[in-house]
Amino acid sequence: MCTRLFVFFLAFALFACSESADPDPSDPETEIEADFTGLSAIPGSGRRSAFSFAIGNKVYVGAGFGRDASGQTYLADFWEYDVASNTWTEKAPFPLGPFFGQDAFAYNGKGYVFFGGTVECSGPEVPCDHIEYNYVHAYDPASDTWQQVADLSSIPGLRDGHATLIGDKVFFVTDNKAFEISLLDFSYTDKAAPPVLINFAAFFRIGDKIYYMTGMDNGLGNKQCVSYDLVNGTWELLPDFPEKGRYDASGFAMDGYGYLIGGKESDFFGKNQRFRDVWQFEPKGKTWKKIGDYPGSGFTLKVLEVLGEKVYLGLGDEGNGLTFGSDWWVLEMK
């Protein structure tokens, strides 16, 4: 059990990442703008802290924190979005029941959900029980079935974090720890610790580096940016993000650039600004440029998946922790 993980339901995941090559410095500089088009909303409840992954031309979204007839609640439902037909289809629910995901990705034609948790409440006068899971579950779209494939309770200090798929392995960062986890036998190797605490950060992979941008310190958004070199196994501190510090932003990479969307400053009174801005990160010069604003209802904790040259995203917290987006968008760089 972990009360800290209860805070993490504010930080899922949906921090998607994708591999991309470095930009070619010989190419002429072109202006890029973020162009959003609205799509069919997810049926049922809007939600935050859902998990997601993409297989083929389908995006899968499940669980999270939303509402039903009884009010606010954790969810267990699981949905498939067909890019070609712009339709949603309900699939087999997540096997652990009501759940908020930690991180998820597609591997060898299946979706993998790493860790996560739930909250169990037995009565109005009894403190709720905050439960974290160290399990890994795999979803097979061909049979519409779930299977628990690993229990990683043996990894010391394992808790909420950020997972990046690298071949047959996962690079997993949690706070000030880093691990490499094999998807073949779920053995693990300790890696060099990050130079700063990595909490609630946006992240993406460009070439041989994974970037972790912004995050939280003591309940406040920060501007810190770091990268991890997959070849050398070393960390690098980067220049700060140029605008207000934020956490729970969404990140992805495309065509050699990194992107950061949204986030929030804090939940503290007077420092509770929410953000819709879209920023582009150029890795060679380590510079940032604003390229647009997100039109959706959710500021934080969105679902985001990259399919080719398009980004599918939506849902998330609408800013007050009481209402949640169900809207769904496609983003193209033009």
Protein backbone atom coordinates (compact mmCIF):
# COMPACT_ATOMS: atom_id res chain seq x y z
CA MET A 1 0.00 0.00 0.00
CA CYS A 2 1.26 3.45 -0.72
CA THR A 3 -0.38 6.80 -0.01
CA ARG A 4 2.07 8.39 -2.42
CA LEU A 5 0.56 6.38 -5.25
CA PHE A 6 -2.78 7.97 -4.50
CA VAL A 7 -1.16 11.23 -5.59
CA PHE A 8 0.04 9.48 -8.71
CA PHE A 9 -3.43 9.02 -10.12
CA LEU A 10 -2.92 12.70 -10.98
CA ALA A 11 0.12 11.84 -13.02
CA PHE A 12 -0.63 9.12 -15.48
CA ALA A 13 0.19 8.57 -17.63
CA LEU A 14 -0.71 9.44 -20.39
CA PHE A 15 2.75 10.61 -21.12
CA ALA A 16 3.30 8.80 -24.42
CA CYS A 17 6.73 8.63 -26.11
CA SER A 18 8.03 7.70 -29.53
CA GLU A 19 11.39 7.15 -31.15
CA SER A 20 12.57 9.65 -33.76
CA ALA A 21 15.81 10.49 -35.52
CA ASP A 22 17.62 13.79 -34.97
CA PRO A 23 16.64 16.60 -37.35
CA ASP A 24 18.94 17.12 -40.33
CA PRO A 25 20.74 20.46 -39.76
CA SER A 26 21.16 20.87 -43.53
CA ASP A 27 17.40 21.13 -44.06
CA PRO A 28 16.07 24.68 -44.37
CA GLU A 29 14.24 25.87 -41.28
CA THR A 30 10.49 25.74 -41.69
CA GLU A 31 7.75 27.08 -39.49
CA ILE A 32 5.64 24.32 -37.93
CA GLU A 33 2.21 24.84 -36.43
CA ALA A 34 0.08 22.44 -34.41
CA ASP A 35 -3.18 21.74 -36.24
CA PHE A 36 -5.99 19.99 -34.31
CA THR A 37 -9.15 18.34 -35.66
CA GLY A 38 -11.97 17.11 -33.43
CA LEU A 39 -13.00 13.43 -33.57
CA SER A 40 -15.66 11.23 -31.95
CA ALA A 41 -15.62 11.45 -28.16
CA ILE A 42 -15.04 8.33 -26.10
CA PRO A 43 -18.39 6.83 -24.97
CA GLY A 44 -19.29 6.78 -21.32
CA SER A 45 -17.37 8.77 -18.80
CA GLY A 46 -14.70 11.33 -19.43
CA ARG A 47 -11.62 10.48 -17.41
CA ARG A 48 -8.12 11.27 -16.31
CA SER A 49 -5.23 8.92 -15.49
CA ALA A 50 -6.27 6.39 -18.12
CA PHE A 51 -3.71 4.06 -19.72
CA SER A 52 -3.34 3.73 -23.50
CA PHE A 53 -1.38 2.04 -26.27
CA ALA A 54 -1.62 1.80 -30.06
CA ILE A 55 -1.57 -1.35 -32.22
CA GLY A 56 -1.86 -1.03 -35.99
CA ASN A 57 -4.47 1.63 -36.75
CA LYS A 58 -6.21 1.20 -33.38
CA VAL A 59 -5.77 3.16 -30.16
CA TYR A 60 -6.72 1.41 -26.91
CA VAL A 61 -7.79 3.40 -23.85
CA GLY A 62 -8.78 2.03 -20.48
CA ALA A 63 -9.64 2.59 -16.85
CA GLY A 64 -8.72 5.87 -15.10
CA PHE A 65 -10.70 8.15 -12.82
CA GLY A 66 -14.05 9.52 -13.98
CA ARG A 67 -17.73 9.48 -13.10
CA ASP A 68 -20.67 7.10 -13.17
CA ALA A 69 -24.19 7.24 -11.77
CA SER A 70 -22.79 7.10 -8.22
CA GLY A 71 -20.44 10.05 -8.75
CA GLN A 72 -16.66 10.17 -9.00
CA THR A 73 -15.09 6.75 -9.24
CA TYR A 74 -12.28 4.64 -10.62
CA LEU A 75 -13.16 2.89 -13.84
CA ALA A 76 -12.45 -0.56 -15.31
CA ASP A 77 -13.87 -0.18 -18.82
CA PHE A 78 -11.62 -0.56 -21.86
CA TRP A 79 -12.12 0.85 -25.36
CA GLU A 80 -10.75 0.44 -28.88
CA TYR A 81 -10.65 3.45 -31.20
CA ASP A 82 -10.51 2.70 -34.95
CA VAL A 83 -8.61 5.44 -36.74
CA ALA A 84 -10.06 4.53 -40.15
CA SER A 85 -13.74 4.66 -39.13
CA ASN A 86 -13.50 7.18 -36.27
CA THR A 87 -15.46 4.82 -34.01
CA TRP A 88 -15.11 3.41 -30.50
CA THR A 89 -15.83 -0.21 -29.49
CA GLU A 90 -15.94 -1.47 -25.91
CA LYS A 91 -13.63 -4.39 -25.18
CA ALA A 92 -12.93 -6.74 -22.26
CA PRO A 93 -12.54 -4.69 -19.05
CA PHE A 94 -9.27 -4.45 -17.22
CA PRO A 95 -8.97 -7.62 -15.08
CA LEU A 96 -8.09 -5.94 -11.78
CA GLY A 97 -11.30 -3.93 -11.85
CA PRO A 98 -11.40 -0.17 -11.18
CA PHE A 99 -7.88 1.03 -11.84
CA PHE A 100 -5.66 3.95 -12.73
CA GLY A 101 -2.80 3.02 -14.98
CA GLN A 102 0.82 3.91 -14.67
CA ASP A 103 2.32 3.42 -18.10
CA ALA A 104 1.50 1.30 -21.11
CA PHE A 105 2.87 0.55 -24.59
CA ALA A 106 2.53 -1.91 -27.46
CA TYR A 107 5.04 -4.73 -27.91
CA ASN A 108 4.87 -7.63 -30.39
CA GLY A 109 1.23 -7.02 -31.21
CA LYS A 110 0.02 -6.82 -27.62
CA GLY A 111 -0.56 -3.99 -25.19
CA TYR A 112 1.38 -4.00 -21.91
CA VAL A 113 0.20 -2.15 -18.82
CA PHE A 114 2.91 -1.60 -16.20
CA PHE A 115 1.92 -1.30 -12.54
CA GLY A 116 -0.83 1.10 -11.46
CA GLY A 117 -3.23 1.03 -8.56
CA THR A 118 -6.65 1.62 -7.09
CA VAL A 119 -8.41 2.88 -3.98
CA GLU A 120 -10.74 0.73 -1.88
CA CYS A 121 -13.18 2.37 0.52
CA SER A 122 -15.24 0.29 2.94
CA GLY A 123 -17.33 3.03 4.51
CA PRO A 124 -17.77 6.79 4.95
CA GLU A 125 -15.99 6.85 8.34
CA VAL A 126 -13.18 4.47 7.43
CA PRO A 127 -10.02 5.76 5.70
CA CYS A 128 -9.71 4.50 2.16
CA ASP A 129 -7.05 1.95 1.35
CA HIS A 130 -4.61 3.10 -1.35
CA ILE A 131 -3.26 0.07 -3.18
CA GLU A 132 -0.40 -0.10 -5.66
CA TYR A 133 0.29 -2.99 -8.01
CA ASN A 134 3.67 -4.17 -9.27
CA TYR A 135 2.05 -6.39 -11.88
CA VAL A 136 2.41 -6.31 -15.64
CA HIS A 137 -0.68 -7.17 -17.71
CA ALA A 138 -0.79 -7.93 -21.43
CA TYR A 139 -3.79 -7.45 -23.71
CA ASP A 140 -4.20 -9.54 -26.87
CA PRO A 141 -6.47 -7.75 -29.38
CA ALA A 142 -6.89 -10.90 -31.48
CA SER A 143 -8.68 -12.73 -28.66
CA ASP A 144 -9.81 -9.69 -26.64
CA THR A 145 -8.24 -11.16 -23.50
CA TRP A 146 -6.01 -9.99 -20.64
CA GLN A 147 -3.23 -11.93 -18.92
CA GLN A 148 -1.01 -11.10 -15.97
CA VAL A 149 2.49 -11.77 -17.31
CA ALA A 150 4.73 -10.60 -14.46
CA ASP A 151 4.92 -9.58 -10.81
CA LEU A 152 7.85 -7.21 -10.30
CA SER A 153 7.52 -6.81 -6.53
CA SER A 154 11.14 -7.94 -6.17
CA ILE A 155 12.52 -4.75 -7.73
CA PRO A 156 13.60 -2.52 -4.81
CA GLY A 157 11.98 0.87 -4.51
CA LEU A 158 9.71 0.32 -7.48
CA ARG A 159 6.83 2.76 -7.68
CA ASP A 160 5.16 5.07 -10.15
CA GLY A 161 7.36 6.13 -13.03
CA HIS A 162 8.00 6.48 -16.75
CA ALA A 163 8.50 3.52 -19.12
CA THR A 164 10.16 3.68 -22.54
CA LEU A 165 10.23 0.64 -24.82
CA ILE A 166 13.72 -0.08 -26.23
CA GLY A 167 13.65 -3.22 -28.37
CA ASP A 168 12.85 -6.13 -26.04
CA LYS A 169 13.46 -4.04 -22.93
CA VAL A 170 11.85 -1.24 -20.98
CA PHE A 171 13.82 1.68 -19.55
CA PHE A 172 11.93 2.59 -16.39
CA VAL A 173 12.59 5.69 -14.27
CA THR A 174 11.01 6.29 -10.89
CA ASP A 175 11.98 9.27 -8.72
CA ASN A 176 15.78 8.94 -8.46
CA LYS A 177 16.08 5.34 -9.67
CA ALA A 178 16.38 3.82 -13.12
CA PHE A 179 16.01 0.21 -14.27
CA GLU A 180 16.19 -1.77 -17.48
CA ILE A 181 13.52 -4.49 -17.50
CA SER A 182 13.54 -7.36 -19.98
CA LEU A 183 10.22 -8.21 -21.63
CA LEU A 184 11.53 -11.70 -22.43
CA ASP A 185 11.93 -12.91 -18.84
CA PHE A 186 11.21 -9.76 -16.76
CA SER A 187 14.67 -9.73 -15.22
CA TYR A 188 16.03 -6.28 -14.45
CA THR A 189 19.30 -4.33 -14.28
CA ASP A 190 19.99 -1.20 -12.24
CA LYS A 191 21.00 1.81 -14.31
CA ALA A 192 22.62 5.13 -13.42
CA ALA A 193 20.36 7.25 -11.24
CA PRO A 194 19.05 10.51 -12.71
CA PRO A 195 20.68 13.71 -11.42
CA VAL A 196 17.33 15.10 -10.26
CA LEU A 197 14.08 13.64 -9.02
CA ILE A 198 11.87 12.81 -11.99
CA ASN A 199 8.27 13.20 -10.89
CA PHE A 200 5.24 13.69 -13.13
CA ALA A 201 7.41 14.69 -16.10
CA ALA A 202 6.62 14.68 -19.80
CA PHE A 203 9.01 12.42 -21.71
CA PHE A 204 9.92 11.29 -25.21
CA ARG A 205 12.68 9.52 -27.10
CA ILE A 206 14.70 11.08 -29.93
CA GLY A 207 17.33 8.80 -31.45
CA ASP A 208 19.51 7.35 -28.69
CA LYS A 209 18.33 9.75 -25.99
CA ILE A 210 15.30 9.86 -23.72
CA TYR A 211 14.24 13.32 -22.57
CA TYR A 212 12.37 14.09 -19.34
CA MET A 213 10.91 17.59 -19.32
CA THR A 214 9.47 19.60 -16.42
CA GLY A 215 7.82 17.84 -13.47
CA MET A 216 6.96 18.44 -9.82
CA ASP A 217 8.91 19.52 -6.74
CA ASN A 218 7.02 19.79 -3.44
CA GLY A 219 3.69 20.23 -5.17
CA LEU A 220 4.91 22.88 -7.63
CA GLY A 221 5.70 22.54 -11.31
CA ASN A 222 9.36 22.91 -12.21
CA LYS A 223 11.34 23.78 -15.36
CA GLN A 224 14.00 21.10 -15.14
CA CYS A 225 14.99 19.14 -18.24
CA VAL A 226 17.34 16.15 -18.42
CA SER A 227 18.26 13.49 -20.95
CA TYR A 228 19.53 9.93 -20.73
CA ASP A 229 21.95 8.56 -23.33
CA LEU A 230 21.03 4.96 -24.12
CA VAL A 231 24.45 4.27 -25.68
CA ASN A 232 26.69 5.68 -22.94
CA GLY A 233 24.33 5.13 -20.02
CA THR A 234 24.81 8.70 -18.82
CA TRP A 235 22.55 11.57 -17.81
CA GLU A 236 22.81 15.22 -18.87
CA LEU A 237 21.25 18.30 -17.30
CA LEU A 238 19.73 20.51 -19.99
CA PRO A 239 18.72 24.19 -20.02
CA ASP A 240 15.50 24.91 -18.18
CA PHE A 241 12.14 25.02 -19.93
CA PRO A 242 11.66 28.71 -20.85
CA GLU A 243 8.16 29.33 -19.49
CA LYS A 244 6.42 28.68 -16.17
CA GLY A 245 7.22 25.41 -14.44
CA ARG A 246 4.60 22.70 -14.87
CA TYR A 247 3.86 19.04 -14.33
CA ASP A 248 1.44 16.43 -15.70
CA ALA A 249 2.17 17.69 -19.23
CA SER A 250 2.07 15.30 -22.19
CA GLY A 251 5.11 14.60 -24.35
CA PHE A 252 5.90 12.90 -27.64
CA ALA A 253 8.51 12.94 -30.42
CA MET A 254 8.08 13.23 -34.17
CA ASP A 255 10.52 13.84 -37.06
CA GLY A 256 13.43 14.50 -34.74
CA TYR A 257 11.70 17.03 -32.50
CA GLY A 258 10.19 16.71 -29.05
CA TYR A 259 6.83 18.18 -28.09
CA LEU A 260 5.24 19.17 -24.79
CA ILE A 261 1.51 19.89 -24.36
CA GLY A 262 -0.35 21.40 -21.43
CA GLY A 263 0.29 20.73 -17.78
CA LYS A 264 -0.43 22.66 -14.60
CA GLU A 265 1.56 24.88 -12.27
CA SER A 266 0.17 23.55 -8.99
CA ASP A 267 -2.96 22.97 -6.96
CA PHE A 268 -1.83 25.63 -4.46
CA PHE A 269 -4.06 28.68 -4.20
CA GLY A 270 -2.60 31.50 -6.25
CA LYS A 271 -0.34 29.14 -8.18
CA ASN A 272 -2.91 26.96 -9.86
CA GLN A 273 -2.48 28.06 -13.47
CA ARG A 274 -3.36 25.49 -16.16
CA PHE A 275 -1.72 25.41 -19.59
CA ARG A 276 -2.89 24.60 -23.11
CA ASP A 277 0.26 25.66 -24.97
CA VAL A 278 2.13 23.33 -27.35
CA TRP A 279 5.95 23.59 -27.39
CA GLN A 280 8.51 22.16 -29.79
CA PHE A 281 11.97 21.13 -28.55
CA GLU A 282 14.93 21.10 -30.96
CA PRO A 283 17.55 18.70 -29.50
CA LYS A 284 20.71 19.97 -31.24
CA GLY A 285 20.37 23.53 -30.06
CA LYS A 286 18.36 22.50 -26.98
CA THR A 287 15.88 25.26 -27.72
CA TRP A 288 12.11 25.60 -27.34
CA LYS A 289 9.47 27.26 -29.53
CA LYS A 290 5.74 27.64 -28.95
CA ILE A 291 3.77 26.34 -31.95
CA GLY A 292 0.14 26.41 -30.88
CA ASP A 293 -2.51 25.74 -28.25
CA TYR A 294 -4.49 22.62 -27.44
CA PRO A 295 -8.25 23.18 -28.00
CA GLY A 296 -9.46 20.23 -25.91
CA SER A 297 -11.09 20.38 -22.50
CA GLY A 298 -8.42 18.56 -20.50
CA PHE A 299 -5.38 20.46 -19.26
CA THR A 300 -3.57 17.51 -17.71
CA LEU A 301 -3.47 13.71 -17.51
CA LYS A 302 -4.47 13.29 -21.13
CA VAL A 303 -4.22 10.17 -23.28
CA LEU A 304 -1.77 10.58 -26.18
CA GLU A 305 -0.64 8.12 -28.86
CA VAL A 306 1.43 8.66 -32.02
CA LEU A 307 0.49 6.75 -35.18
CA GLY A 308 2.76 7.61 -38.08
CA GLU A 309 2.60 11.36 -38.69
CA LYS A 310 -0.53 11.89 -36.60
CA VAL A 311 -1.07 12.22 -32.87
CA TYR A 312 -4.31 11.09 -31.24
CA LEU A 313 -5.08 12.63 -27.88
CA GLY A 314 -7.80 13.74 -25.52
CA LEU A 315 -9.63 13.13 -22.24
CA GLY A 316 -7.87 14.41 -19.09
CA ASP A 317 -8.58 16.65 -16.10
CA GLU A 318 -10.49 19.81 -16.96
CA GLY A 319 -8.70 21.71 -14.22
CA ASN A 320 -10.77 21.39 -11.07
CA GLY A 321 -10.34 17.69 -10.28
CA LEU A 322 -14.12 17.26 -10.50
CA THR A 323 -14.85 17.12 -14.22
CA PHE A 324 -13.02 15.19 -16.91
CA GLY A 325 -12.80 15.45 -20.66
CA SER A 326 -14.20 12.86 -23.05
CA ASP A 327 -13.25 14.74 -26.22
CA TRP A 328 -10.84 13.22 -28.75
CA TRP A 329 -8.55 14.95 -31.25
CA VAL A 330 -6.02 14.33 -33.98
CA LEU A 331 -2.96 16.57 -34.15
CA GLU A 332 -0.91 17.13 -37.30
CA MET A 333 2.15 19.31 -37.75
CA LYS A 334 1.68 21.72 -40.65
